């Protein structure tokens, strides 16, 4: 197993380069008025006894709704299970999965998880 690579950008230490790149995307969303605010890994959700999930980003959209964005280059089964469990248990929040299939220059694909999300909300 490879050691985790940490990336520091604007005095925030991100767990990966992909997360740092998505933070830049969130800054664009904020500047365009699509979202009000975002933070990196500010909370941990409890899913059950001894089981927690820390989403990558917490976001407040312009309409005042709150939610979380998980950024993945690829996803293991246990990570997918936690994301789905969180979306089911915390229905008052939006849960999104952000990927970039085309690599560094590819367009972000953001899919809503649970609550009627069809998994095809492309950005």
N, C-alpha and C. Protein backbone atom coordinates (compact mmCIF):
# COMPACT_ATOMS: atom_id res chain seq x y z
N UNK A 1 0.85 -1.17 0.00
CA UNK A 1 0.00 0.00 0.00
C UNK A 1 0.90 1.24 0.00
N UNK A 2 0.60 2.16 -0.91
CA UNK A 2 1.39 3.39 -1.01
C UNK A 2 1.09 4.32 0.15
N UNK A 3 2.10 5.04 0.64
CA UNK A 3 1.82 6.04 1.67
C UNK A 3 1.00 7.17 1.08
N UNK A 4 0.13 7.76 1.92
CA UNK A 4 -0.72 8.85 1.45
C UNK A 4 0.13 10.07 1.10
N UNK A 5 -0.19 10.69 -0.01
CA UNK A 5 0.46 11.92 -0.43
C UNK A 5 -0.38 13.07 0.05
N UNK A 6 0.23 14.01 0.76
CA UNK A 6 -0.47 15.18 1.24
C UNK A 6 -0.07 16.36 0.35
N UNK A 7 -1.03 17.23 0.02
CA UNK A 7 -0.81 18.38 -0.84
C UNK A 7 -1.26 19.62 -0.08
N UNK A 8 -0.38 20.62 0.04
CA UNK A 8 -0.73 21.85 0.72
C UNK A 8 -0.99 22.92 -0.33
N UNK A 9 -2.17 23.54 -0.23
CA UNK A 9 -2.58 24.59 -1.16
C UNK A 9 -3.35 25.63 -0.36
N UNK A 10 -2.89 26.88 -0.44
CA UNK A 10 -3.53 27.97 0.31
C UNK A 10 -3.66 27.65 1.79
N UNK A 11 -2.59 27.15 2.37
CA UNK A 11 -2.49 26.84 3.81
C UNK A 11 -3.43 25.72 4.26
N UNK A 12 -3.97 24.95 3.32
CA UNK A 12 -4.79 23.79 3.66
C UNK A 12 -4.07 22.55 3.16
N UNK A 13 -3.98 21.55 4.01
CA UNK A 13 -3.32 20.30 3.63
C UNK A 13 -4.38 19.31 3.15
N UNK A 14 -4.33 18.99 1.88
CA UNK A 14 -5.28 18.05 1.27
C UNK A 14 -4.66 16.66 1.24
N UNK A 15 -5.49 15.65 1.29
CA UNK A 15 -5.02 14.27 1.29
C UNK A 15 -4.50 13.83 -0.07
N UNK A 16 -4.89 14.54 -1.14
CA UNK A 16 -4.45 14.15 -2.47
C UNK A 16 -4.43 15.35 -3.41
N UNK A 17 -3.74 15.20 -4.50
CA UNK A 17 -3.71 16.23 -5.53
C UNK A 17 -5.10 16.42 -6.13
N UNK A 18 -5.83 15.33 -6.28
CA UNK A 18 -7.18 15.41 -6.85
C UNK A 18 -8.09 16.26 -5.96
N UNK A 19 -7.99 16.09 -4.65
CA UNK A 19 -8.78 16.90 -3.73
C UNK A 19 -8.38 18.37 -3.80
N UNK A 20 -7.09 18.65 -3.92
CA UNK A 20 -6.62 20.03 -4.07
C UNK A 20 -7.16 20.64 -5.35
N UNK A 21 -7.20 19.87 -6.42
CA UNK A 21 -7.74 20.36 -7.69
C UNK A 21 -9.24 20.60 -7.60
N UNK A 22 -9.95 19.75 -6.85
CA UNK A 22 -11.38 19.98 -6.70
C UNK A 22 -11.64 21.21 -5.82
N UNK A 23 -10.76 21.49 -4.88
CA UNK A 23 -10.89 22.71 -4.08
C UNK A 23 -10.84 23.94 -4.99
N UNK A 24 -9.97 23.91 -6.00
CA UNK A 24 -9.92 25.01 -6.97
C UNK A 24 -11.24 25.11 -7.73
N UNK A 25 -11.84 23.97 -8.04
CA UNK A 25 -13.15 23.96 -8.70
C UNK A 25 -14.20 24.59 -7.80
N UNK A 26 -14.17 24.26 -6.51
CA UNK A 26 -15.13 24.84 -5.58
C UNK A 26 -14.95 26.35 -5.45
N UNK A 27 -13.72 26.82 -5.53
CA UNK A 27 -13.49 28.27 -5.51
C UNK A 27 -14.17 28.93 -6.71
N UNK A 28 -14.11 28.27 -7.86
CA UNK A 28 -14.80 28.78 -9.06
C UNK A 28 -16.31 28.79 -8.85
N UNK A 29 -16.85 27.73 -8.26
CA UNK A 29 -18.29 27.67 -7.98
C UNK A 29 -18.69 28.82 -7.06
N UNK A 30 -17.83 29.11 -6.08
CA UNK A 30 -18.14 30.17 -5.13
C UNK A 30 -18.08 31.54 -5.81
N UNK A 31 -17.07 31.75 -6.62
CA UNK A 31 -16.93 33.02 -7.33
C UNK A 31 -18.09 33.25 -8.31
N UNK A 32 -18.61 32.18 -8.89
CA UNK A 32 -19.72 32.31 -9.84
C UNK A 32 -21.07 32.43 -9.14
N UNK A 33 -21.09 32.24 -7.82
CA UNK A 33 -22.33 32.37 -7.07
C UNK A 33 -23.13 31.09 -6.96
N UNK A 34 -22.59 29.98 -7.46
CA UNK A 34 -23.32 28.71 -7.39
C UNK A 34 -23.41 28.19 -5.95
N UNK A 35 -22.34 28.43 -5.20
CA UNK A 35 -22.33 28.03 -3.78
C UNK A 35 -21.96 29.24 -2.93
N UNK A 36 -22.38 29.18 -1.66
CA UNK A 36 -22.05 30.26 -0.72
C UNK A 36 -20.72 30.02 -0.04
N UNK A 37 -20.47 28.76 0.36
CA UNK A 37 -19.35 28.45 1.23
C UNK A 37 -18.96 26.99 1.07
N UNK A 38 -17.70 26.68 1.32
CA UNK A 38 -17.25 25.30 1.35
C UNK A 38 -16.08 25.18 2.33
N UNK A 39 -15.91 24.01 2.88
CA UNK A 39 -14.81 23.71 3.79
C UNK A 39 -14.31 22.31 3.50
N UNK A 40 -13.02 22.09 3.77
CA UNK A 40 -12.39 20.79 3.55
C UNK A 40 -12.40 19.98 4.84
N UNK A 41 -12.98 18.79 4.80
CA UNK A 41 -13.03 17.82 5.89
C UNK A 41 -13.34 18.44 7.25
N UNK A 42 -14.41 19.23 7.37
CA UNK A 42 -14.66 19.89 8.65
C UNK A 42 -15.36 19.01 9.69
N UNK A 43 -16.04 17.93 9.25
CA UNK A 43 -16.78 17.12 10.21
C UNK A 43 -16.66 15.64 9.87
N UNK A 44 -16.99 14.84 10.88
CA UNK A 44 -17.05 13.39 10.71
C UNK A 44 -18.46 12.95 11.06
N UNK A 45 -19.06 12.17 10.20
CA UNK A 45 -20.41 11.66 10.43
C UNK A 45 -20.34 10.28 11.07
N UNK A 46 -21.18 10.06 12.05
CA UNK A 46 -21.24 8.75 12.69
C UNK A 46 -22.28 7.90 11.96
N UNK A 47 -21.86 6.75 11.49
CA UNK A 47 -22.75 5.86 10.75
C UNK A 47 -23.30 4.73 11.62
N UNK A 48 -22.63 4.44 12.70
CA UNK A 48 -23.04 3.37 13.59
C UNK A 48 -21.97 3.19 14.65
N UNK A 49 -22.14 2.23 15.53
CA UNK A 49 -21.14 2.00 16.57
C UNK A 49 -19.76 1.72 15.97
N UNK A 50 -18.83 2.58 16.23
CA UNK A 50 -17.46 2.39 15.75
C UNK A 50 -17.27 2.62 14.27
N UNK A 51 -18.26 3.16 13.57
CA UNK A 51 -18.16 3.36 12.13
C UNK A 51 -18.42 4.83 11.81
N UNK A 52 -17.43 5.47 11.21
CA UNK A 52 -17.56 6.89 10.87
C UNK A 52 -17.20 7.12 9.41
N UNK A 53 -17.59 8.31 8.94
CA UNK A 53 -17.31 8.70 7.56
C UNK A 53 -16.98 10.20 7.56
N UNK A 54 -15.84 10.56 6.98
CA UNK A 54 -15.45 11.96 6.88
C UNK A 54 -15.47 12.36 5.40
N UNK A 55 -16.52 13.08 4.98
CA UNK A 55 -16.59 13.53 3.58
C UNK A 55 -15.46 14.52 3.30
N UNK A 56 -15.04 14.58 2.04
CA UNK A 56 -13.95 15.48 1.66
C UNK A 56 -14.33 16.95 1.81
N UNK A 57 -15.51 17.32 1.32
CA UNK A 57 -15.90 18.73 1.34
C UNK A 57 -17.32 18.89 1.86
N UNK A 58 -17.52 19.94 2.64
CA UNK A 58 -18.84 20.37 3.09
C UNK A 58 -19.17 21.61 2.28
N UNK A 59 -20.39 21.69 1.77
CA UNK A 59 -20.77 22.79 0.87
C UNK A 59 -22.13 23.34 1.29
N UNK A 60 -22.26 24.67 1.20
CA UNK A 60 -23.57 25.31 1.32
C UNK A 60 -23.87 25.91 -0.05
N UNK A 61 -24.96 25.42 -0.68
CA UNK A 61 -25.35 25.92 -1.98
C UNK A 61 -26.04 27.27 -1.85
N UNK A 62 -26.22 27.94 -2.95
CA UNK A 62 -26.80 29.27 -2.96
C UNK A 62 -28.22 29.28 -2.38
N UNK A 63 -28.97 28.20 -2.54
CA UNK A 63 -30.33 28.13 -2.01
C UNK A 63 -30.38 27.83 -0.51
N UNK A 64 -29.20 27.69 0.11
CA UNK A 64 -29.12 27.44 1.55
C UNK A 64 -29.04 25.98 1.92
N UNK A 65 -29.21 25.07 0.96
CA UNK A 65 -29.09 23.65 1.27
C UNK A 65 -27.62 23.29 1.51
N UNK A 66 -27.43 22.29 2.34
CA UNK A 66 -26.07 21.87 2.71
C UNK A 66 -25.83 20.45 2.23
N UNK A 67 -24.57 20.12 2.06
CA UNK A 67 -24.25 18.77 1.67
C UNK A 67 -22.75 18.53 1.63
N UNK A 68 -22.41 17.40 1.07
CA UNK A 68 -21.03 16.94 1.07
C UNK A 68 -20.64 16.47 -0.32
N UNK A 69 -19.37 16.66 -0.64
CA UNK A 69 -18.84 16.18 -1.91
C UNK A 69 -17.66 15.26 -1.60
N UNK A 70 -17.72 14.07 -2.11
CA UNK A 70 -16.63 13.10 -2.01
C UNK A 70 -15.91 13.09 -3.35
N UNK A 71 -14.58 13.21 -3.33
CA UNK A 71 -13.77 13.26 -4.54
C UNK A 71 -12.99 11.95 -4.66
N UNK A 72 -13.13 11.28 -5.78
CA UNK A 72 -12.46 10.00 -5.97
C UNK A 72 -11.89 9.87 -7.37
N UNK A 73 -10.68 9.35 -7.43
CA UNK A 73 -10.11 8.92 -8.70
C UNK A 73 -10.60 7.51 -9.00
N UNK A 74 -10.70 6.72 -7.97
CA UNK A 74 -11.28 5.37 -8.01
C UNK A 74 -11.80 5.09 -6.61
N UNK A 75 -12.73 4.17 -6.50
CA UNK A 75 -13.38 3.94 -5.21
C UNK A 75 -13.39 2.47 -4.85
N UNK A 76 -12.89 2.18 -3.65
CA UNK A 76 -12.95 0.82 -3.11
C UNK A 76 -14.38 0.53 -2.63
N UNK A 77 -14.71 -0.72 -2.49
CA UNK A 77 -16.05 -1.12 -2.08
C UNK A 77 -16.44 -0.57 -0.72
N UNK A 78 -15.48 -0.56 0.24
CA UNK A 78 -15.82 -0.06 1.58
C UNK A 78 -16.10 1.44 1.56
N UNK A 79 -15.39 2.19 0.74
CA UNK A 79 -15.64 3.63 0.63
C UNK A 79 -17.00 3.89 0.00
N UNK A 80 -17.35 3.11 -1.01
CA UNK A 80 -18.66 3.24 -1.66
C UNK A 80 -19.78 2.92 -0.66
N UNK A 81 -19.58 1.87 0.13
CA UNK A 81 -20.59 1.48 1.12
C UNK A 81 -20.79 2.59 2.15
N UNK A 82 -19.72 3.21 2.60
CA UNK A 82 -19.84 4.30 3.57
C UNK A 82 -20.57 5.50 2.97
N UNK A 83 -20.24 5.85 1.74
CA UNK A 83 -20.90 6.98 1.09
C UNK A 83 -22.40 6.71 0.94
N UNK A 84 -22.76 5.53 0.50
CA UNK A 84 -24.17 5.17 0.34
C UNK A 84 -24.89 5.14 1.70
N UNK A 85 -24.23 4.62 2.72
CA UNK A 85 -24.83 4.57 4.05
C UNK A 85 -25.04 5.98 4.59
N UNK A 86 -24.09 6.87 4.39
CA UNK A 86 -24.22 8.25 4.86
C UNK A 86 -25.38 8.94 4.15
N UNK A 87 -25.50 8.75 2.85
CA UNK A 87 -26.58 9.37 2.08
C UNK A 87 -27.94 8.85 2.55
N UNK A 88 -28.00 7.60 2.92
CA UNK A 88 -29.26 7.01 3.41
C UNK A 88 -29.58 7.51 4.82
N UNK A 89 -28.58 7.57 5.66
CA UNK A 89 -28.80 7.94 7.07
C UNK A 89 -29.01 9.44 7.27
N UNK A 90 -28.35 10.26 6.48
CA UNK A 90 -28.42 11.72 6.65
C UNK A 90 -29.12 12.34 5.44
N UNK A 91 -30.38 12.05 5.29
CA UNK A 91 -31.15 12.49 4.12
C UNK A 91 -31.37 14.00 4.06
N UNK A 92 -31.13 14.69 5.15
CA UNK A 92 -31.30 16.14 5.14
C UNK A 92 -30.16 16.85 4.40
N UNK A 93 -29.12 16.12 4.04
CA UNK A 93 -27.99 16.67 3.31
C UNK A 93 -27.93 16.08 1.90
N UNK A 94 -27.33 16.85 1.01
CA UNK A 94 -27.04 16.34 -0.34
C UNK A 94 -25.67 15.67 -0.30
N UNK A 95 -25.53 14.56 -1.00
CA UNK A 95 -24.25 13.87 -1.12
C UNK A 95 -23.92 13.76 -2.59
N UNK A 96 -22.72 14.20 -2.95
CA UNK A 96 -22.28 14.14 -4.33
C UNK A 96 -20.94 13.44 -4.42
N UNK A 97 -20.74 12.76 -5.53
CA UNK A 97 -19.47 12.11 -5.83
C UNK A 97 -18.87 12.81 -7.04
N UNK A 98 -17.66 13.34 -6.88
CA UNK A 98 -16.98 14.05 -7.96
C UNK A 98 -15.83 13.19 -8.47
N UNK A 99 -15.82 12.98 -9.78
CA UNK A 99 -14.73 12.24 -10.44
C UNK A 99 -14.30 13.03 -11.66
N UNK A 100 -13.14 12.67 -12.17
CA UNK A 100 -12.66 13.31 -13.40
C UNK A 100 -12.08 12.24 -14.30
N UNK A 101 -12.96 11.57 -15.04
CA UNK A 101 -12.55 10.42 -15.86
C UNK A 101 -11.47 10.75 -16.89
N UNK A 102 -11.44 11.95 -17.41
CA UNK A 102 -10.47 12.30 -18.43
C UNK A 102 -9.09 12.65 -17.89
N UNK A 103 -8.88 12.43 -16.61
CA UNK A 103 -7.59 12.77 -16.02
C UNK A 103 -7.49 14.24 -15.69
N UNK A 104 -6.26 14.73 -15.60
CA UNK A 104 -6.01 16.10 -15.13
C UNK A 104 -6.72 17.16 -15.96
N UNK A 105 -6.86 16.94 -17.24
CA UNK A 105 -7.51 17.94 -18.09
C UNK A 105 -8.98 17.65 -18.34
N UNK A 106 -9.46 16.53 -17.80
CA UNK A 106 -10.85 16.15 -18.02
C UNK A 106 -11.83 17.01 -17.25
N UNK A 107 -13.06 16.95 -17.69
CA UNK A 107 -14.13 17.69 -17.05
C UNK A 107 -14.58 16.93 -15.81
N UNK A 108 -14.91 17.66 -14.74
CA UNK A 108 -15.43 17.03 -13.54
C UNK A 108 -16.81 16.45 -13.84
N UNK A 109 -17.06 15.26 -13.34
CA UNK A 109 -18.38 14.65 -13.39
C UNK A 109 -18.84 14.56 -11.94
N UNK A 110 -19.97 15.20 -11.66
CA UNK A 110 -20.49 15.24 -10.30
C UNK A 110 -21.85 14.56 -10.29
N UNK A 111 -21.95 13.48 -9.54
CA UNK A 111 -23.18 12.70 -9.48
C UNK A 111 -23.77 12.79 -8.08
N UNK A 112 -25.07 13.06 -8.01
CA UNK A 112 -25.75 13.08 -6.72
C UNK A 112 -26.01 11.64 -6.28
N UNK A 113 -25.77 11.37 -5.01
CA UNK A 113 -25.93 10.04 -4.44
C UNK A 113 -27.18 10.04 -3.57
N UNK A 114 -28.05 9.05 -3.76
CA UNK A 114 -29.26 8.96 -2.96
C UNK A 114 -30.25 10.06 -3.28
N UNK A 115 -31.35 10.10 -2.54
CA UNK A 115 -32.39 11.13 -2.65
C UNK A 115 -32.74 11.48 -4.09
N UNK A 116 -32.86 10.48 -4.93
CA UNK A 116 -33.29 10.71 -6.30
C UNK A 116 -32.17 11.07 -7.26
N UNK A 117 -30.93 11.06 -6.79
CA UNK A 117 -29.83 11.36 -7.69
C UNK A 117 -29.71 10.29 -8.76
N UNK A 118 -29.55 10.69 -10.01
CA UNK A 118 -29.48 9.70 -11.08
C UNK A 118 -28.06 9.31 -11.43
N UNK A 119 -27.08 9.96 -10.77
CA UNK A 119 -25.70 9.59 -11.02
C UNK A 119 -25.13 10.16 -12.30
N UNK A 120 -25.83 11.11 -12.95
CA UNK A 120 -25.35 11.64 -14.22
C UNK A 120 -25.37 13.17 -14.28
N UNK A 121 -25.14 13.83 -13.17
CA UNK A 121 -25.14 15.29 -13.15
C UNK A 121 -23.76 15.79 -13.56
N UNK A 122 -23.53 15.90 -14.84
CA UNK A 122 -22.19 16.27 -15.34
C UNK A 122 -21.97 17.77 -15.28
N UNK A 123 -20.76 18.16 -14.90
CA UNK A 123 -20.37 19.57 -14.82
C UNK A 123 -19.43 19.87 -15.95
